């Protein structure tokens, strides 16, 4: 396992509402991983998507983490205060960036004509790669993905094992600045992790499919590649990932610490495969650190 000098982890929630049990699972896993490796744990508020931000949600998130006994190292950062770094990265990408005038509907329609059915993910066909069509105006900015040979990326996830994706076939050129003017998640998260020296990323498995795009951005921006661990996501009774869109409820309503322990921390620990028994929040974390170390020993790539 890594020394304190070499491990920097982070939890990076979006302020679209208060934390729910699914986001607590991700926070807990990242926090415990930093503790097991005697490293630093940073908190970054990913608020670049201004249309989805909820006023006061960032402060509610920070208060909930503290009430749960998760205390971060250094100062909290907000992506909305880091736009200069994203502009700098865009300049660095140079000729790999091009304007795109396609709407999501047009991209979906192009796939229907090619495959005869709606694809699960919108794969960009490269319509604007060589210039905007007559009458089209720029909407988003896209990053060119190598076409020949294909851009096939591999990494070993500490939880999921070996992961491989053909970025050329499965994704295509992807957006780094959106049509609404907001920075795309893929660019912002890579720039932030590089700038903050993040060495290990622990997050939900719903982001596993995003990782190859981030690996490619790390390569072209000449940033180091962190280690990854994607934990399973909590789902509702319909099998949908818990989120604000699927009606996930906040776990922290200001109840007393004992209630927070019973209703949130212990269930989150069980979901992550830890048998933790504690009668206080302080005792919970004391028991959870070695319990997480045991979980790691059973993974494909313990790290």
C-alpha atoms as a PDB file:
ATOM      1  CA  UNK A   1       0.000   0.000   0.000  1.00  0.00           C
ATOM      2  CA  UNK A   2       1.054   3.557  -0.660  1.00  0.00           C
ATOM      3  CA  UNK A   3       2.751   5.901   1.779  1.00  0.00           C
ATOM      4  CA  UNK A   4       1.312   9.157   3.075  1.00  0.00           C
ATOM      5  CA  UNK A   5       3.464  11.118   0.642  1.00  0.00           C
ATOM      6  CA  UNK A   6       2.160   9.318  -2.429  1.00  0.00           C
ATOM      7  CA  UNK A   7      -1.596   9.071  -1.777  1.00  0.00           C
ATOM      8  CA  UNK A   8      -4.057  11.915  -2.403  1.00  0.00           C
ATOM      9  CA  UNK A   9      -7.711  10.990  -2.724  1.00  0.00           C
ATOM     10  CA  UNK A  10     -10.838  13.095  -3.138  1.00  0.00           C
ATOM     11  CA  UNK A  11     -14.618  13.192  -2.900  1.00  0.00           C
ATOM     12  CA  UNK A  12     -16.186  15.402  -5.557  1.00  0.00           C
ATOM     13  CA  UNK A  13     -19.970  15.777  -5.191  1.00  0.00           C
ATOM     14  CA  UNK A  14     -22.192  17.914  -7.403  1.00  0.00           C
ATOM     15  CA  UNK A  15     -24.364  20.411  -5.463  1.00  0.00           C
ATOM     16  CA  UNK A  16     -27.621  19.294  -7.071  1.00  0.00           C
ATOM     17  CA  UNK A  17     -29.161  18.530  -3.677  1.00  0.00           C
ATOM     18  CA  UNK A  18     -28.266  17.057  -0.275  1.00  0.00           C
ATOM     19  CA  UNK A  19     -26.309  13.819  -0.002  1.00  0.00           C
ATOM     20  CA  UNK A  20     -28.328  10.596  -0.188  1.00  0.00           C
ATOM     21  CA  UNK A  21     -27.245   7.119   0.892  1.00  0.00           C
ATOM     22  CA  UNK A  22     -25.718   6.382  -2.528  1.00  0.00           C
ATOM     23  CA  UNK A  23     -23.455   9.410  -2.397  1.00  0.00           C
ATOM     24  CA  UNK A  24     -22.591   8.576   1.224  1.00  0.00           C
ATOM     25  CA  UNK A  25     -21.345   5.167   0.050  1.00  0.00           C
ATOM     26  CA  UNK A  26     -18.991   6.840  -2.443  1.00  0.00           C
ATOM     27  CA  UNK A  27     -17.834   9.383   0.150  1.00  0.00           C
ATOM     28  CA  UNK A  28     -17.226   6.655   2.731  1.00  0.00           C
ATOM     29  CA  UNK A  29     -15.231   4.473   0.355  1.00  0.00           C
ATOM     30  CA  UNK A  30     -12.998   7.354  -0.756  1.00  0.00           C
ATOM     31  CA  UNK A  31     -12.519   8.565   2.825  1.00  0.00           C
ATOM     32  CA  UNK A  32     -11.640   5.116   4.157  1.00  0.00           C
ATOM     33  CA  UNK A  33      -9.275   4.419   1.287  1.00  0.00           C
ATOM     34  CA  UNK A  34      -7.349   7.579   2.108  1.00  0.00           C
ATOM     35  CA  UNK A  35      -7.242   6.621   5.789  1.00  0.00           C
ATOM     36  CA  UNK A  36      -6.071   3.057   5.108  1.00  0.00           C
ATOM     37  CA  UNK A  37      -3.250   4.427   2.936  1.00  0.00           C
ATOM     38  CA  UNK A  38      -2.385   7.174   5.481  1.00  0.00           C
ATOM     39  CA  UNK A  39      -3.022   9.734   2.752  1.00  0.00           C
ATOM     40  CA  UNK A  40      -4.850  12.989   2.237  1.00  0.00           C
ATOM     41  CA  UNK A  41      -8.580  13.286   1.494  1.00  0.00           C
ATOM     42  CA  UNK A  42      -9.726  16.346  -0.433  1.00  0.00           C
ATOM     43  CA  UNK A  43     -13.245  17.625  -1.050  1.00  0.00           C
ATOM     44  CA  UNK A  44     -14.103  19.381  -4.307  1.00  0.00           C
ATOM     45  CA  UNK A  45     -17.546  20.738  -5.173  1.00  0.00           C
ATOM     46  CA  UNK A  46     -18.219  19.994  -8.850  1.00  0.00           C
ATOM     47  CA  UNK A  47     -20.524  22.902  -9.648  1.00  0.00           C
ATOM     48  CA  UNK A  48     -19.639  23.582 -13.301  1.00  0.00           C
ATOM     49  CA  UNK A  49     -23.167  22.604 -14.410  1.00  0.00           C
ATOM     50  CA  UNK A  50     -24.808  25.831 -13.272  1.00  0.00           C
ATOM     51  CA  UNK A  51     -28.302  24.873 -14.441  1.00  0.00           C
ATOM     52  CA  UNK A  52     -28.436  21.886 -12.070  1.00  0.00           C
ATOM     53  CA  UNK A  53     -26.945  23.500  -8.977  1.00  0.00           C
ATOM     54  CA  UNK A  54     -29.263  23.961  -6.008  1.00  0.00           C
ATOM     55  CA  UNK A  55     -28.675  27.001  -3.819  1.00  0.00           C
ATOM     56  CA  UNK A  56     -27.189  26.008  -0.467  1.00  0.00           C
ATOM     57  CA  UNK A  57     -26.668  22.364  -1.426  1.00  0.00           C
ATOM     58  CA  UNK A  58     -22.878  22.688  -1.240  1.00  0.00           C
ATOM     59  CA  UNK A  59     -23.020  23.867   2.371  1.00  0.00           C
ATOM     60  CA  UNK A  60     -25.519  21.132   3.257  1.00  0.00           C
ATOM     61  CA  UNK A  61     -23.147  18.532   1.763  1.00  0.00           C
ATOM     62  CA  UNK A  62     -20.171  19.852   3.718  1.00  0.00           C
ATOM     63  CA  UNK A  63     -22.179  19.958   6.955  1.00  0.00           C
ATOM     64  CA  UNK A  64     -23.373  16.369   6.413  1.00  0.00           C
ATOM     65  CA  UNK A  65     -19.819  15.111   5.897  1.00  0.00           C
ATOM     66  CA  UNK A  66     -18.728  16.774   9.125  1.00  0.00           C
ATOM     67  CA  UNK A  67     -21.724  15.442  11.056  1.00  0.00           C
ATOM     68  CA  UNK A  68     -20.785  11.975   9.820  1.00  0.00           C
ATOM     69  CA  UNK A  69     -17.244  12.425  11.133  1.00  0.00           C
ATOM     70  CA  UNK A  70     -15.562  12.773   7.718  1.00  0.00           C
ATOM     71  CA  UNK A  71     -13.108  15.668   7.908  1.00  0.00           C
ATOM     72  CA  UNK A  72     -11.180  16.734   4.817  1.00  0.00           C
ATOM     73  CA  UNK A  73      -7.604  17.922   4.447  1.00  0.00           C
ATOM     74  CA  UNK A  74      -6.882  21.469   3.297  1.00  0.00           C
ATOM     75  CA  UNK A  75      -9.475  23.829   1.864  1.00  0.00           C
ATOM     76  CA  UNK A  76     -12.586  22.801  -0.031  1.00  0.00           C
ATOM     77  CA  UNK A  77     -12.427  23.798  -3.712  1.00  0.00           C
ATOM     78  CA  UNK A  78     -15.237  24.771  -6.086  1.00  0.00           C
ATOM     79  CA  UNK A  79     -14.972  24.083  -9.828  1.00  0.00           C
ATOM     80  CA  UNK A  80     -16.740  27.364 -10.578  1.00  0.00           C
ATOM     81  CA  UNK A  81     -13.652  29.120  -9.204  1.00  0.00           C
ATOM     82  CA  UNK A  82     -11.256  27.179 -11.431  1.00  0.00           C
ATOM     83  CA  UNK A  83     -12.419  28.116 -14.939  1.00  0.00           C
ATOM     84  CA  UNK A  84      -9.052  29.667 -15.793  1.00  0.00           C
ATOM     85  CA  UNK A  85      -7.480  26.215 -15.545  1.00  0.00           C
ATOM     86  CA  UNK A  86     -10.014  24.813 -18.014  1.00  0.00           C
ATOM     87  CA  UNK A  87      -9.353  27.628 -20.472  1.00  0.00           C
ATOM     88  CA  UNK A  88      -5.647  26.906 -20.210  1.00  0.00           C
ATOM     89  CA  UNK A  89      -6.239  23.194 -20.893  1.00  0.00           C
ATOM     90  CA  UNK A  90      -8.375  24.062 -23.917  1.00  0.00           C
ATOM     91  CA  UNK A  91      -5.508  26.120 -25.350  1.00  0.00           C
ATOM     92  CA  UNK A  92      -3.126  23.253 -24.687  1.00  0.00           C
ATOM     93  CA  UNK A  93      -5.359  20.852 -26.648  1.00  0.00           C
ATOM     94  CA  UNK A  94      -5.033  23.184 -29.634  1.00  0.00           C
ATOM     95  CA  UNK A  95      -5.852  21.584 -32.985  1.00  0.00           C
ATOM     96  CA  UNK A  96      -7.400  18.534 -31.329  1.00  0.00           C
ATOM     97  CA  UNK A  97     -10.415  20.743 -30.537  1.00  0.00           C
ATOM     98  CA  UNK A  98     -13.076  21.647 -33.101  1.00  0.00           C
ATOM     99  CA  UNK A  99     -16.521  23.288 -33.043  1.00  0.00           C
ATOM    100  CA  UNK A 100     -19.557  21.052 -33.456  1.00  0.00           C
ATOM    101  CA  UNK A 101     -22.987  22.186 -34.641  1.00  0.00           C
ATOM    102  CA  UNK A 102     -24.856  18.904 -34.036  1.00  0.00           C
ATOM    103  CA  UNK A 103     -27.761  18.543 -31.610  1.00  0.00           C
ATOM    104  CA  UNK A 104     -28.321  15.382 -29.571  1.00  0.00           C
ATOM    105  CA  UNK A 105     -31.329  14.589 -31.777  1.00  0.00           C
ATOM    106  CA  UNK A 106     -29.223  14.800 -34.917  1.00  0.00           C
ATOM    107  CA  UNK A 107     -26.614  12.490 -33.433  1.00  0.00           C
ATOM    108  CA  UNK A 108     -29.312  10.032 -32.369  1.00  0.00           C
ATOM    109  CA  UNK A 109     -30.926  10.169 -35.815  1.00  0.00           C
ATOM    110  CA  UNK A 110     -27.595   9.422 -37.482  1.00  0.00           C
ATOM    111  CA  UNK A 111     -27.259   6.281 -35.369  1.00  0.00           C
ATOM    112  CA  UNK A 112     -30.777   5.170 -36.203  1.00  0.00           C
ATOM    113  CA  UNK A 113     -29.988   5.413 -39.888  1.00  0.00           C
ATOM    114  CA  UNK A 114     -26.820   3.378 -39.419  1.00  0.00           C
ATOM    115  CA  UNK A 115     -28.021   0.701 -37.020  1.00  0.00           C
ATOM    116  CA  UNK A 116     -31.786   0.657 -37.416  1.00  0.00           C
ATOM    117  CA  UNK A 117     -32.255   0.946 -33.656  1.00  0.00           C
ATOM    118  CA  UNK A 118     -31.640   3.423 -30.869  1.00  0.00           C
ATOM    119  CA  UNK A 119     -28.208   2.928 -29.340  1.00  0.00           C
ATOM    120  CA  UNK A 120     -27.865   3.015 -25.544  1.00  0.00           C
ATOM    121  CA  UNK A 121     -25.206   5.735 -25.733  1.00  0.00           C
ATOM    122  CA  UNK A 122     -24.844   8.454 -28.324  1.00  0.00           C
ATOM    123  CA  UNK A 123     -21.715   7.732 -30.350  1.00  0.00           C
ATOM    124  CA  UNK A 124     -20.603  10.795 -32.244  1.00  0.00           C
ATOM    125  CA  UNK A 125     -20.180   9.995 -35.974  1.00  0.00           C
ATOM    126  CA  UNK A 126     -17.672  12.774 -36.664  1.00  0.00           C
ATOM    127  CA  UNK A 127     -20.061  14.967 -38.660  1.00  0.00           C
ATOM    128  CA  UNK A 128     -18.259  18.255 -37.916  1.00  0.00           C
ATOM    129  CA  UNK A 129     -14.724  16.879 -37.604  1.00  0.00           C
ATOM    130  CA  UNK A 130     -13.638  18.452 -40.911  1.00  0.00           C
ATOM    131  CA  UNK A 131     -15.665  21.653 -40.589  1.00  0.00           C
ATOM    132  CA  UNK A 132     -19.204  22.889 -39.979  1.00  0.00           C
ATOM    133  CA  UNK A 133     -21.735  22.139 -42.689  1.00  0.00           C
ATOM    134  CA  UNK A 134     -23.222  25.141 -44.541  1.00  0.00           C
ATOM    135  CA  UNK A 135     -25.842  26.852 -42.419  1.00  0.00           C
ATOM    136  CA  UNK A 136     -24.572  25.247 -39.198  1.00  0.00           C
ATOM    137  CA  UNK A 137     -23.299  27.305 -36.267  1.00  0.00           C
ATOM    138  CA  UNK A 138     -20.994  26.080 -33.520  1.00  0.00           C
ATOM    139  CA  UNK A 139     -22.725  24.679 -30.433  1.00  0.00           C
ATOM    140  CA  UNK A 140     -20.182  22.644 -28.522  1.00  0.00           C
ATOM    141  CA  UNK A 141     -16.429  22.009 -28.647  1.00  0.00           C
ATOM    142  CA  UNK A 142     -15.285  18.431 -29.228  1.00  0.00           C
ATOM    143  CA  UNK A 143     -11.981  16.627 -28.790  1.00  0.00           C
ATOM    144  CA  UNK A 144     -10.723  14.498 -31.673  1.00  0.00           C
ATOM    145  CA  UNK A 145     -10.232  10.823 -30.889  1.00  0.00           C
ATOM    146  CA  UNK A 146      -7.697   8.949 -33.069  1.00  0.00           C
ATOM    147  CA  UNK A 147      -9.318   7.065 -35.950  1.00  0.00           C
ATOM    148  CA  UNK A 148      -6.481   4.981 -37.413  1.00  0.00           C
ATOM    149  CA  UNK A 149      -5.370   3.083 -35.524  1.00  0.00           C
ATOM    150  CA  UNK A 150      -8.305   3.052 -33.112  1.00  0.00           C
ATOM    151  CA  UNK A 151      -7.829   4.550 -29.672  1.00  0.00           C
ATOM    152  CA  UNK A 152      -8.162   1.504 -27.401  1.00  0.00           C
ATOM    153  CA  UNK A 153      -7.550   2.213 -23.739  1.00  0.00           C
ATOM    154  CA  UNK A 154      -6.975  -0.229 -20.892  1.00  0.00           C
ATOM    155  CA  UNK A 155      -6.701   0.133 -17.138  1.00  0.00           C
ATOM    156  CA  UNK A 156      -6.875  -2.086 -14.073  1.00  0.00           C
ATOM    157  CA  UNK A 157      -9.610  -0.994 -11.721  1.00  0.00           C
ATOM    158  CA  UNK A 158      -8.959  -2.019  -8.143  1.00  0.00           C
ATOM    159  CA  UNK A 159     -12.564  -3.231  -7.701  1.00  0.00           C
ATOM    160  CA  UNK A 160     -13.760  -4.124 -11.211  1.00  0.00           C
ATOM    161  CA  UNK A 161     -10.515  -5.635 -12.507  1.00  0.00           C
ATOM    162  CA  UNK A 162      -9.278  -5.146 -16.063  1.00  0.00           C
ATOM    163  CA  UNK A 163     -11.288  -2.673 -18.155  1.00  0.00           C
ATOM    164  CA  UNK A 164     -10.874  -1.998 -21.866  1.00  0.00           C
ATOM    165  CA  UNK A 165     -12.720   0.349 -24.207  1.00  0.00           C
ATOM    166  CA  UNK A 166     -12.371   1.225 -27.892  1.00  0.00           C
ATOM    167  CA  UNK A 167     -12.863   4.964 -27.589  1.00  0.00           C
ATOM    168  CA  UNK A 168     -13.057   5.368 -31.368  1.00  0.00           C
ATOM    169  CA  UNK A 169     -15.931   2.919 -31.840  1.00  0.00           C
ATOM    170  CA  UNK A 170     -17.706   3.207 -28.489  1.00  0.00           C
ATOM    171  CA  UNK A 171     -17.628   6.993 -27.940  1.00  0.00           C
ATOM    172  CA  UNK A 172     -16.166   8.962 -30.828  1.00  0.00           C
ATOM    173  CA  UNK A 173     -15.053  12.582 -30.544  1.00  0.00           C
ATOM    174  CA  UNK A 174     -16.456  13.831 -27.240  1.00  0.00           C
ATOM    175  CA  UNK A 175     -17.530  17.188 -25.858  1.00  0.00           C
ATOM    176  CA  UNK A 176     -15.169  19.239 -23.700  1.00  0.00           C
ATOM    177  CA  UNK A 177     -17.265  22.426 -23.660  1.00  0.00           C
ATOM    178  CA  UNK A 178     -21.011  22.136 -23.906  1.00  0.00           C
ATOM    179  CA  UNK A 179     -23.500  23.946 -26.126  1.00  0.00           C
ATOM    180  CA  UNK A 180     -24.852  25.802 -23.064  1.00  0.00           C
ATOM    181  CA  UNK A 181     -21.384  27.235 -22.393  1.00  0.00           C
ATOM    182  CA  UNK A 182     -20.613  25.054 -19.362  1.00  0.00           C
ATOM    183  CA  UNK A 183     -17.418  23.026 -19.179  1.00  0.00           C
ATOM    184  CA  UNK A 184     -17.926  19.303 -19.723  1.00  0.00           C
ATOM    185  CA  UNK A 185     -17.416  17.013 -16.751  1.00  0.00           C
ATOM    186  CA  UNK A 186     -14.700  15.013 -18.514  1.00  0.00           C
ATOM    187  CA  UNK A 187     -12.380  17.984 -19.027  1.00  0.00           C
ATOM    188  CA  UNK A 188     -13.016  19.656 -15.675  1.00  0.00           C
ATOM    189  CA  UNK A 189     -12.453  16.528 -13.606  1.00  0.00           C
ATOM    190  CA  UNK A 190      -9.211  15.627 -15.384  1.00  0.00           C
ATOM    191  CA  UNK A 191      -7.805  19.148 -15.064  1.00  0.00           C
ATOM    192  CA  UNK A 192      -8.777  19.357 -11.392  1.00  0.00           C
ATOM    193  CA  UNK A 193      -7.342  15.953 -10.485  1.00  0.00           C
ATOM    194  CA  UNK A 194      -4.101  16.817 -12.245  1.00  0.00           C
ATOM    195  CA  UNK A 195      -3.836  20.243 -10.643  1.00  0.00           C
ATOM    196  CA  UNK A 196      -4.567  18.885  -7.157  1.00  0.00           C
ATOM    197  CA  UNK A 197      -2.140  15.982  -7.496  1.00  0.00           C
ATOM    198  CA  UNK A 198      -4.831  13.335  -7.000  1.00  0.00           C
ATOM    199  CA  UNK A 199      -3.225   9.886  -7.123  1.00  0.00           C
ATOM    200  CA  UNK A 200      -6.218   7.660  -6.341  1.00  0.00           C
ATOM    201  CA  UNK A 201      -9.824   8.059  -7.430  1.00  0.00           C
ATOM    202  CA  UNK A 202     -12.493   6.122  -5.528  1.00  0.00           C
ATOM    203  CA  UNK A 203     -16.025   6.686  -6.835  1.00  0.00           C
ATOM    204  CA  UNK A 204     -19.198   4.958  -8.012  1.00  0.00           C
ATOM    205  CA  UNK A 205     -19.274   2.343 -10.768  1.00  0.00           C
ATOM    206  CA  UNK A 206     -21.665   4.554 -12.765  1.00  0.00           C
ATOM    207  CA  UNK A 207     -18.539   6.531 -13.739  1.00  0.00           C
ATOM    208  CA  UNK A 208     -16.536   3.489 -14.852  1.00  0.00           C
ATOM    209  CA  UNK A 209     -17.500   4.064 -18.489  1.00  0.00           C
ATOM    210  CA  UNK A 210     -16.219   7.666 -18.300  1.00  0.00           C
ATOM    211  CA  UNK A 211     -12.741   6.621 -17.248  1.00  0.00           C
ATOM    212  CA  UNK A 212     -11.291   5.853 -20.721  1.00  0.00           C
ATOM    213  CA  UNK A 213     -12.213   9.361 -21.889  1.00  0.00           C
ATOM    214  CA  UNK A 214     -10.411  10.726 -18.872  1.00  0.00           C
ATOM    215  CA  UNK A 215      -7.388   8.525 -19.546  1.00  0.00           C
ATOM    216  CA  UNK A 216      -7.225   9.910 -23.089  1.00  0.00           C
ATOM    217  CA  UNK A 217      -7.438  13.487 -21.812  1.00  0.00           C
ATOM    218  CA  UNK A 218      -4.685  12.750 -19.293  1.00  0.00           C
ATOM    219  CA  UNK A 219      -2.493  11.504 -22.142  1.00  0.00           C
ATOM    220  CA  UNK A 220      -2.997  14.481 -24.453  1.00  0.00           C
ATOM    221  CA  UNK A 221      -2.652  16.972 -21.570  1.00  0.00           C
ATOM    222  CA  UNK A 222       0.444  15.106 -20.336  1.00  0.00           C
ATOM    223  CA  UNK A 223      -0.999  14.512 -16.874  1.00  0.00           C
ATOM    224  CA  UNK A 224      -0.245  11.490 -14.667  1.00  0.00           C
ATOM    225  CA  UNK A 225      -2.797   8.671 -14.557  1.00  0.00           C
ATOM    226  CA  UNK A 226      -4.321   8.061 -11.118  1.00  0.00           C
ATOM    227  CA  UNK A 227      -5.273   4.645  -9.806  1.00  0.00           C
ATOM    228  CA  UNK A 228      -9.011   3.911  -9.918  1.00  0.00           C
ATOM    229  CA  UNK A 229     -11.466   2.045  -7.728  1.00  0.00           C
ATOM    230  CA  UNK A 230     -15.150   2.060  -8.706  1.00  0.00           C
ATOM    231  CA  UNK A 231     -17.480   0.810  -5.978  1.00  0.00           C
ATOM    232  CA  UNK A 232     -20.948  -0.610  -6.748  1.00  0.00           C
ATOM    233  CA  UNK A 233     -23.759   1.946  -6.797  1.00  0.00           C
ATOM    234  CA  UNK A 234     -26.840   1.843  -4.608  1.00  0.00           C
ATOM    235  CA  UNK A 235     -30.029   1.298  -6.614  1.00  0.00           C
ATOM    236  CA  UNK A 236     -33.735   1.716  -5.866  1.00  0.00           C
ATOM    237  CA  UNK A 237     -36.429  -0.951  -6.066  1.00  0.00           C
ATOM    238  CA  UNK A 238     -36.590  -0.473  -9.858  1.00  0.00           C
ATOM    239  CA  UNK A 239     -32.867  -1.123 -10.243  1.00  0.00           C
ATOM    240  CA  UNK A 240     -32.136   2.534 -10.984  1.00  0.00           C
ATOM    241  CA  UNK A 241     -29.103   4.276  -9.535  1.00  0.00           C
ATOM    242  CA  UNK A 242     -30.082   6.451  -6.585  1.00  0.00           C
ATOM    243  CA  UNK A 243     -30.059  10.087  -7.644  1.00  0.00           C
ATOM    244  CA  UNK A 244     -32.122  13.212  -7.350  1.00  0.00           C
ATOM    245  CA  UNK A 245     -33.752  12.296 -10.679  1.00  0.00           C
ATOM    246  CA  UNK A 246     -34.865   8.905  -9.333  1.00  0.00           C
ATOM    247  CA  UNK A 247     -36.251  10.344  -6.111  1.00  0.00           C
ATOM    248  CA  UNK A 248     -33.353   9.609  -3.744  1.00  0.00           C
ATOM    249  CA  UNK A 249     -33.966  11.116  -0.319  1.00  0.00           C
ATOM    250  CA  UNK A 250     -31.453  12.932   1.863  1.00  0.00           C
ATOM    251  CA  UNK A 251     -30.121  10.847   4.739  1.00  0.00           C
ATOM    252  CA  UNK A 252     -29.227  13.808   6.958  1.00  0.00           C
ATOM    253  CA  UNK A 253     -32.168  15.717   8.406  1.00  0.00           C
ATOM    254  CA  UNK A 254     -30.348  17.011  11.452  1.00  0.00           C
ATOM    255  CA  UNK A 255     -31.129  13.970  13.566  1.00  0.00           C
ATOM    256  CA  UNK A 256     -28.992  13.143  16.586  1.00  0.00           C
ATOM    257  CA  UNK A 257     -25.641  11.398  15.921  1.00  0.00           C
ATOM    258  CA  UNK A 258     -26.952   8.032  17.107  1.00  0.00           C
ATOM    259  CA  UNK A 259     -29.727   8.146  14.515  1.00  0.00           C
ATOM    260  CA  UNK A 260     -27.233   9.149  11.822  1.00  0.00           C
ATOM    261  CA  UNK A 261     -25.076   6.184  12.772  1.00  0.00           C
ATOM    262  CA  UNK A 262     -27.968   3.692  12.639  1.00  0.00           C
ATOM    263  CA  UNK A 263     -29.768   5.044   9.566  1.00  0.00           C
ATOM    264  CA  UNK A 264     -26.836   6.035   7.356  1.00  0.00           C
ATOM    265  CA  UNK A 265     -23.299   5.064   8.367  1.00  0.00           C
ATOM    266  CA  UNK A 266     -23.907   1.437   9.326  1.00  0.00           C
ATOM    267  CA  UNK A 267     -26.087   0.664   6.252  1.00  0.00           C
ATOM    268  CA  UNK A 268     -23.488   2.295   3.962  1.00  0.00           C
ATOM    269  CA  UNK A 269     -20.745   0.198   5.535  1.00  0.00           C
ATOM    270  CA  UNK A 270     -22.769  -3.002   5.061  1.00  0.00           C
ATOM    271  CA  UNK A 271     -23.342  -2.118   1.415  1.00  0.00           C
ATOM    272  CA  UNK A 272     -19.560  -1.877   0.954  1.00  0.00           C
ATOM    273  CA  UNK A 273     -19.096  -5.325   2.488  1.00  0.00           C
ATOM    274  CA  UNK A 274     -17.947  -4.249   5.940  1.00  0.00           C
ATOM    275  CA  UNK A 275     -19.216  -5.829   9.147  1.00  0.00           C
ATOM    276  CA  UNK A 276     -18.842  -2.829  11.444  1.00  0.00           C
ATOM    277  CA  UNK A 277     -20.315  -2.748  14.931  1.00  0.00           C
ATOM    278  CA  UNK A 278     -20.202   0.493  16.867  1.00  0.00           C
ATOM    279  CA  UNK A 279     -22.286   2.506  19.297  1.00  0.00           C
ATOM    280  CA  UNK A 280     -20.914   5.938  18.372  1.00  0.00           C
ATOM    281  CA  UNK A 281     -19.655   7.721  15.267  1.00  0.00           C
ATOM    282  CA  UNK A 282     -16.112   7.862  16.639  1.00  0.00           C
ATOM    283  CA  UNK A 283     -16.164   4.126  17.335  1.00  0.00           C
ATOM    284  CA  UNK A 284     -17.602   3.521  13.875  1.00  0.00           C
ATOM    285  CA  UNK A 285     -14.608   5.068  12.101  1.00  0.00           C
ATOM    286  CA  UNK A 286     -12.173   3.326  14.409  1.00  0.00           C
ATOM    287  CA  UNK A 287     -13.668  -0.016  13.356  1.00  0.00           C
ATOM    288  CA  UNK A 288     -14.312   0.927   9.717  1.00  0.00           C
ATOM    289  CA  UNK A 289     -10.671   1.607   8.786  1.00  0.00           C
ATOM    290  CA  UNK A 290      -9.446  -1.967   9.415  1.00  0.00           C
ATOM    291  CA  UNK A 291     -12.707  -3.312   7.958  1.00  0.00           C
ATOM    292  CA  UNK A 292     -12.018  -1.442   4.703  1.00  0.00           C
ATOM    293  CA  UNK A 293      -8.459  -2.771   4.682  1.00  0.00           C
ATOM    294  CA  UNK A 294      -9.947  -6.272   4.798  1.00  0.00           C
ATOM    295  CA  UNK A 295     -12.286  -5.459   1.893  1.00  0.00           C
ATOM    296  CA  UNK A 296      -9.270  -4.264  -0.130  1.00  0.00           C
ATOM    297  CA  UNK A 297      -7.375  -7.489   0.483  1.00  0.00           C
ATOM    298  CA  UNK A 298     -10.132  -9.382  -1.332  1.00  0.00           C
ATOM    299  CA  UNK A 299     -10.137  -7.180  -4.447  1.00  0.00           C
ATOM    300  CA  UNK A 300      -8.572  -8.088  -7.839  1.00  0.00           C
ATOM    301  CA  UNK A 301      -6.086  -5.210  -7.545  1.00  0.00           C
ATOM    302  CA  UNK A 302      -5.798  -4.324  -3.827  1.00  0.00           C
ATOM    303  CA  UNK A 303      -3.448  -1.336  -4.408  1.00  0.00           C
END
